[in-house]
Protein backbone atom coordinates (compact mmCIF):
# COMPACT_ATOMS: atom_id res chain seq x y z
CA MET A 1 27.54 81.25 -82.96
CA THR A 2 23.96 81.43 -81.73
CA GLY A 3 21.72 78.30 -81.30
CA PRO A 4 23.31 75.57 -79.29
CA ALA A 5 25.90 77.88 -77.67
CA ASP A 6 22.84 79.81 -76.31
CA ALA A 7 21.28 76.89 -75.19
CA ASP A 8 24.23 75.90 -73.23
CA GLY A 9 23.70 79.23 -71.28
CA LEU A 10 27.00 80.59 -72.94
CA GLY A 11 24.88 83.76 -73.24
CA GLU A 12 26.74 86.92 -74.78
CA ALA A 13 30.09 85.08 -74.70
CA ALA A 14 28.89 83.08 -77.56
CA HIS A 15 28.65 86.44 -79.71
CA PRO A 16 31.48 88.06 -81.57
CA GLY A 17 33.25 90.61 -79.73
CA ALA A 18 34.94 93.87 -80.91
CA GLY A 19 38.57 91.85 -80.56
CA GLU A 20 39.19 90.11 -83.80
CA VAL A 21 42.18 88.24 -84.64
CA THR A 22 43.05 85.45 -87.65
CA ALA A 23 45.89 83.34 -88.22
CA THR A 24 46.31 81.02 -91.22
CA VAL A 25 48.94 78.49 -92.71
CA ILE A 26 49.01 76.09 -95.13
CA VAL A 27 50.14 72.45 -94.02
CA ASN A 28 51.78 69.61 -96.25
CA ALA A 29 49.12 67.28 -94.63
CA PRO A 30 45.57 66.25 -95.67
CA ALA A 31 42.81 67.54 -93.81
CA ASP A 32 41.52 64.55 -91.75
CA ARG A 33 45.54 64.37 -90.34
CA VAL A 34 45.49 68.28 -89.71
CA PHE A 35 41.85 68.32 -87.82
CA ALA A 36 42.66 65.18 -85.68
CA ALA A 37 46.00 67.22 -84.57
CA LEU A 38 43.93 70.26 -84.21
CA THR A 39 41.57 68.48 -81.75
CA ALA A 40 44.26 66.87 -79.71
CA TRP A 41 43.62 69.40 -77.30
CA GLU A 42 46.40 68.34 -74.95
CA ARG A 43 48.70 68.48 -77.43
CA GLN A 44 48.68 71.98 -78.01
CA SER A 45 50.79 72.49 -75.09
CA ASP A 46 53.09 71.36 -77.69
CA TRP A 47 53.04 74.38 -80.04
CA ILE A 48 51.21 77.39 -77.97
CA PRO A 49 54.17 78.64 -76.04
CA PHE A 50 53.70 78.83 -72.28
CA THR A 51 50.37 77.04 -72.36
CA THR A 52 49.06 73.94 -70.87
CA VAL A 53 46.07 72.75 -72.34
CA ARG A 54 43.60 69.73 -70.86
CA VAL A 55 40.02 68.63 -71.15
CA VAL A 56 38.32 69.41 -67.70
CA GLU A 57 34.95 67.95 -69.02
CA GLY A 58 33.93 65.71 -71.44
CA ASP A 59 36.09 63.66 -74.22
CA GLY A 60 36.75 66.66 -76.06
CA GLY A 61 34.25 66.37 -78.62
CA GLU A 62 31.20 68.84 -78.65
CA GLY A 63 30.13 70.02 -75.30
CA SER A 64 33.26 69.39 -73.81
CA VAL A 65 35.20 71.87 -72.02
CA VAL A 66 38.70 72.79 -72.26
CA GLU A 67 41.01 74.72 -70.25
CA ALA A 68 44.29 76.51 -71.41
CA VAL A 69 46.23 77.96 -68.72
CA THR A 70 49.39 80.36 -70.28
CA ALA A 71 51.72 81.41 -67.40
CA ILE A 72 54.77 83.80 -68.01
CA GLY A 73 56.64 84.23 -64.77
CA PRO A 74 54.01 85.20 -62.22
CA ALA A 75 51.53 86.10 -64.79
CA VAL A 76 48.70 83.27 -65.28
CA LEU A 77 45.82 83.44 -67.85
CA ARG A 78 43.34 80.83 -67.59
CA ASP A 79 41.15 80.46 -70.83
CA GLU A 80 38.11 78.22 -70.57
CA MET A 81 36.03 77.24 -73.66
CA ARG A 82 33.12 74.99 -74.30
CA VAL A 83 33.66 73.02 -77.72
CA VAL A 84 30.20 74.04 -79.29
CA ARG A 85 30.66 72.64 -82.87
CA VAL A 86 32.23 69.77 -84.42
CA ASP A 87 32.28 69.14 -88.12
CA ALA A 88 35.25 66.70 -88.94
CA PRO A 89 37.52 67.18 -90.63
CA TYR A 90 36.71 70.65 -91.21
CA GLU A 91 35.74 72.96 -88.54
CA VAL A 92 35.51 73.00 -84.86
CA GLY A 93 33.87 75.96 -83.01
CA VAL A 94 34.63 76.99 -79.52
CA VAL A 95 33.29 79.65 -77.09
CA HIS A 96 35.57 81.24 -74.54
CA CYS A 97 33.61 81.34 -71.42
CA GLY A 98 36.11 82.16 -68.70
CA LYS A 99 35.86 85.41 -66.67
CA LEU A 100 38.54 87.30 -68.81
CA LEU A 101 38.50 85.49 -72.44
CA ARG A 102 35.20 85.45 -73.70
CA GLY A 103 33.69 85.27 -77.39
CA PRO A 104 33.68 82.48 -80.11
CA GLY A 105 36.49 81.13 -81.93
CA VAL A 106 36.77 78.75 -84.95
CA LEU A 107 39.52 76.52 -86.47
CA ARG A 108 38.96 75.63 -90.06
CA CYS A 109 40.69 72.78 -92.40
CA THR A 110 40.37 73.70 -96.08
CA PRO A 111 41.73 70.77 -98.17
CA ILE A 112 43.52 71.97 -101.16
CA GLU A 113 45.61 70.35 -104.21
CA GLY A 114 48.19 68.22 -103.45
CA GLY A 115 47.11 66.89 -100.24
CA ARG A 116 47.76 69.85 -98.55
CA THR A 117 45.31 72.04 -96.18
CA GLN A 118 44.55 75.53 -95.12
CA VAL A 119 43.91 75.70 -91.60
CA VAL A 120 42.53 79.61 -90.56
CA TRP A 121 42.22 80.10 -86.73
CA HIS A 122 39.57 83.01 -86.13
CA GLU A 123 38.72 84.42 -82.96
CA TRP A 124 36.30 87.50 -81.92
CA PHE A 125 36.90 88.31 -78.08
CA HIS A 126 34.86 90.29 -76.03
CA LEU A 127 37.38 93.25 -74.86
CA PRO A 128 37.83 93.56 -71.02
CA GLY A 129 38.11 96.83 -69.11
CA GLY A 130 35.08 98.53 -71.09
CA THR A 131 36.47 101.64 -72.96
CA ALA A 132 40.06 101.33 -71.68
CA GLY A 133 39.81 97.80 -73.16
CA ARG A 134 38.59 99.15 -76.73
CA VAL A 135 41.24 101.82 -76.64
CA ALA A 136 44.21 99.40 -75.74
CA TRP A 137 43.21 96.51 -78.32
CA PRO A 138 44.84 98.64 -81.31
CA VAL A 139 48.03 98.44 -79.38
CA LEU A 140 47.56 94.98 -78.02
CA TRP A 141 46.50 93.51 -81.46
CA PRO A 142 49.70 93.20 -83.35
CA GLY A 143 51.31 91.33 -80.68
CA SER A 144 48.16 88.82 -80.61
CA LYS A 145 48.13 88.19 -84.26
CA ILE A 146 52.17 87.51 -84.39
CA SER A 147 51.84 85.14 -81.57
CA LEU A 148 48.79 83.52 -82.91
CA ASN A 149 50.55 83.01 -86.34
CA GLN A 150 53.97 81.78 -84.98
CA ALA A 151 51.92 79.04 -82.97
CA LEU A 152 50.28 78.05 -86.28
CA ARG A 153 53.39 77.80 -88.19
CA LYS A 154 55.01 75.66 -85.43
CA PHE A 155 51.75 73.61 -85.59
CA GLY A 156 52.04 73.13 -89.19
CA ARG A 157 55.70 71.90 -88.81
CA LEU A 158 54.92 69.50 -86.05
CA VAL A 159 52.17 68.01 -88.16
CA GLU A 160 54.60 67.86 -91.17
CA GLN A 161 57.25 66.25 -89.50
CA GLY A 162 54.73 63.50 -87.93
CA ARG A 163 54.91 64.82 -84.37
CA LEU A 164 51.45 65.47 -84.14
CA PRO A 165 48.55 63.96 -83.39
C-alpha cells in the first residue's frame, strides 16, 4: 500500500504493521453481489458485532473516510479508515488511520466455479503500546482471528439469504 495512500498524507499508517490477521469465507453468490455487500459500509453494522459503521466523508468510494465504532459496555473503540483503492468487483483497500488502529487492510472477492465467491479480509495493524503491544499480540491475535472469521461467516449467510446489500 504505497503511492496514493502516501500521497493522501497517511504516511506510516499506509504501510503494513506487525499485527496481521486474515479471515476467509466462501459465499454462494456472484462476486459483483458480494462486493456490493462488502462496500455497503453502513450495512457492516449488520454483521460486525457491537459495531456501528458510517461514511463520514465522500460517497463510500475511493478517497472516502469510513468510521466504525465498536462499543461493548463502557469500552468504545473508534476505527477511522480511508478507502484508498476500489477495483470493483474484486478488491477494496483501506488504511486505518485513527489514533489507535493504524495500518492497511484489503477485502478481496475472487469468483469461483458455480457462481460462488471467495472473500478474503486481510489486515496489517501497527501494534500500539510499543514493546508491550508486541508482547500482547500473540495473546490477542486468536481472539481477533476468531471474531473476524465469525463476522465474515455471518456476512456470507446474510448475502446468501438476500438480506445484503
